[in-house]
Amino acid sequence: MRKFLKFSLTYFILTVLIFLTEVCIGIYVHDTIIRPYGGDYLVVILIYCFVRSFLNTPVFQTSIAVLLFSFLIETMQYFDFVDRMGIDNKLARIVIGTSFAWKDIWSYVLGVLTVFLAEWIIRKKQCECFCRKSSDRTQY
């Protein structure tokens, strides 16, 4: 049985690196592709890595939960949540967002698909290494 609470240094380092990338995009990139779509694409990967930094949860369930959370935030943007609640805090307005876009939804989906693909590749490589080591031991 796996421990539910388990710190993962690998996921934590990925979280920090992606967060720093997001900050750099927010500060230095002012284009029409990377800033609006790259940031949304990376944010779901950032949230996924953050969750996996502290929770030993299954890839599929965690990814879907992150995607649903992202959809919730985007839905809040659709209903002008920030303005309706009278939130004037600049950081809160940036984190929650203020404008809905269908393209953001697609960016989130692509980000989660990237997580699935990366995790699948990593697990496949780990399995190959384990299987190779196991077969090496049985030869002797």
Protein backbone atom coordinates (compact mmCIF):
# COMPACT_ATOMS: atom_id res chain seq x y z
CA MET A 1 0.00 0.00 0.00
CA ARG A 2 1.36 3.38 -1.02
CA LYS A 3 1.67 6.27 1.38
CA PHE A 4 -0.76 9.05 0.46
CA LEU A 5 1.40 11.85 1.85
CA LYS A 6 4.87 11.55 0.41
CA PHE A 7 7.30 14.29 -0.54
CA SER A 8 8.82 13.99 -4.01
CA LEU A 9 11.91 16.09 -4.59
CA THR A 10 11.71 15.48 -8.35
CA TYR A 11 8.19 16.88 -8.65
CA PHE A 12 9.07 19.74 -6.29
CA ILE A 13 12.06 20.76 -8.42
CA LEU A 14 9.85 20.58 -11.53
CA THR A 15 7.29 22.76 -9.75
CA VAL A 16 9.90 25.41 -8.94
CA LEU A 17 11.36 25.36 -12.46
CA ILE A 18 7.96 25.64 -14.13
CA PHE A 19 6.92 28.38 -11.70
CA LEU A 20 10.07 30.37 -12.54
CA THR A 21 9.34 29.83 -16.23
CA GLU A 22 5.80 31.14 -15.71
CA VAL A 23 7.13 34.20 -13.90
CA CYS A 24 9.59 34.88 -16.72
CA ILE A 25 6.81 34.54 -19.28
CA GLY A 26 4.64 36.92 -17.27
CA ILE A 27 7.37 39.53 -16.90
CA TYR A 28 9.34 39.35 -20.13
CA VAL A 29 7.17 37.85 -22.88
CA HIS A 30 4.63 40.11 -24.53
CA ASP A 31 3.68 38.22 -27.68
CA THR A 32 0.47 36.69 -28.99
CA ILE A 33 1.38 33.00 -28.62
CA ILE A 34 3.72 32.14 -25.71
CA ARG A 35 2.25 34.44 -23.09
CA PRO A 36 -1.44 33.68 -23.61
CA TYR A 37 -1.22 29.99 -24.56
CA GLY A 38 2.16 28.83 -23.24
CA GLY A 39 1.33 30.13 -19.79
CA ASP A 40 -2.01 28.31 -19.71
CA TYR A 41 -0.43 25.16 -21.09
CA LEU A 42 2.28 25.21 -18.41
CA VAL A 43 0.00 26.14 -15.51
CA VAL A 44 -1.76 22.76 -15.48
CA ILE A 45 1.61 21.01 -15.55
CA LEU A 46 2.73 23.30 -12.71
CA ILE A 47 -0.32 22.47 -10.60
CA TYR A 48 0.06 18.75 -11.34
CA CYS A 49 3.73 18.77 -10.30
CA PHE A 50 2.89 20.77 -7.17
CA VAL A 51 0.23 18.25 -6.12
CA ARG A 52 2.53 15.31 -6.85
CA SER A 53 5.28 17.01 -4.80
CA PHE A 54 3.31 16.23 -1.65
CA LEU A 55 0.72 13.59 -2.54
CA ASN A 56 1.38 10.11 -3.85
CA THR A 57 -1.74 9.95 -6.00
CA PRO A 58 -2.42 8.12 -9.27
CA VAL A 59 -1.48 9.94 -12.46
CA PHE A 60 -4.89 9.71 -14.11
CA GLN A 61 -6.94 10.88 -11.12
CA THR A 62 -4.52 13.70 -10.31
CA SER A 63 -4.43 14.90 -13.91
CA ILE A 64 -8.21 14.88 -14.22
CA ALA A 65 -8.57 16.72 -10.90
CA VAL A 66 -6.11 19.39 -12.08
CA LEU A 67 -7.96 19.69 -15.39
CA LEU A 68 -11.33 20.05 -13.63
CA PHE A 69 -9.84 22.65 -11.29
CA SER A 70 -8.57 24.58 -14.33
CA PHE A 71 -12.00 24.36 -15.93
CA LEU A 72 -13.52 25.71 -12.69
CA ILE A 73 -11.18 28.70 -12.72
CA GLU A 74 -11.97 29.35 -16.39
CA THR A 75 -15.70 29.11 -15.63
CA MET A 76 -15.23 31.66 -12.86
CA GLN A 77 -13.63 33.92 -15.46
CA TYR A 78 -16.63 33.42 -17.75
CA PHE A 79 -18.93 34.66 -14.99
CA ASP A 80 -16.63 37.64 -14.13
CA PHE A 81 -16.07 36.27 -10.63
CA VAL A 82 -13.24 38.68 -9.80
CA ASP A 83 -15.27 41.77 -10.69
CA ARG A 84 -18.50 40.49 -9.15
CA MET A 85 -16.68 39.80 -5.89
CA GLY A 86 -15.01 43.21 -6.00
CA ILE A 87 -11.51 41.75 -5.82
CA ASP A 88 -9.01 44.56 -6.32
CA ASN A 89 -5.88 42.66 -5.30
CA LYS A 90 -3.61 42.54 -8.35
CA LEU A 91 -2.09 39.13 -7.50
CA ALA A 92 -5.55 37.58 -6.97
CA ARG A 93 -6.73 39.03 -10.29
CA ILE A 94 -3.71 37.51 -12.04
CA VAL A 95 -4.05 34.10 -10.38
CA ILE A 96 -7.81 33.79 -10.88
CA GLY A 97 -7.84 35.61 -14.20
CA THR A 98 -10.34 38.03 -15.60
CA SER A 99 -11.22 36.87 -19.11
CA PHE A 100 -12.68 33.63 -20.42
CA ALA A 101 -11.34 32.06 -23.62
CA TRP A 102 -12.05 28.71 -25.25
CA LYS A 103 -8.43 28.63 -26.36
CA ASP A 104 -7.41 28.53 -22.70
CA ILE A 105 -9.49 25.38 -22.26
CA TRP A 106 -7.62 23.75 -25.14
CA SER A 107 -4.29 24.84 -23.63
CA TYR A 108 -5.25 23.12 -20.37
CA VAL A 109 -6.24 19.94 -22.20
CA LEU A 110 -2.94 19.91 -24.12
CA GLY A 111 -1.05 20.43 -20.85
CA VAL A 112 -2.78 17.47 -19.22
CA LEU A 113 -2.20 15.32 -22.30
CA THR A 114 1.48 16.23 -22.03
CA VAL A 115 1.45 15.07 -18.40
CA PHE A 116 -0.13 11.75 -19.44
CA LEU A 117 2.44 11.26 -22.19
CA ALA A 118 5.41 12.19 -19.99
CA GLU A 119 4.26 9.93 -17.15
CA TRP A 120 3.60 7.06 -19.58
CA ILE A 121 7.09 7.39 -21.09
CA ILE A 122 8.71 7.56 -17.65
CA ARG A 123 6.78 4.53 -16.36
CA LYS A 124 7.56 2.57 -19.53
CA LYS A 125 11.29 3.31 -19.16
CA GLN A 126 11.19 2.33 -15.47
CA CYS A 127 9.42 -0.91 -16.33
CA GLU A 128 11.95 -1.72 -19.04
CA CYS A 129 14.81 -1.11 -16.62
CA PHE A 130 13.15 -3.22 -13.93
CA CYS A 131 12.33 -6.03 -16.35
CA ARG A 132 15.86 -5.99 -17.74
CA LYS A 133 17.35 -6.15 -14.23
CA SER A 134 14.98 -8.96 -13.24
CA SER A 135 15.83 -11.03 -16.31
CA ASP A 136 19.55 -10.47 -15.71
CA ARG A 137 19.21 -11.94 -12.22
CA THR A 138 17.35 -15.01 -13.40
CA GLN A 139 20.10 -15.93 -15.84
CA TYR A 140 22.51 -16.71 -13.02
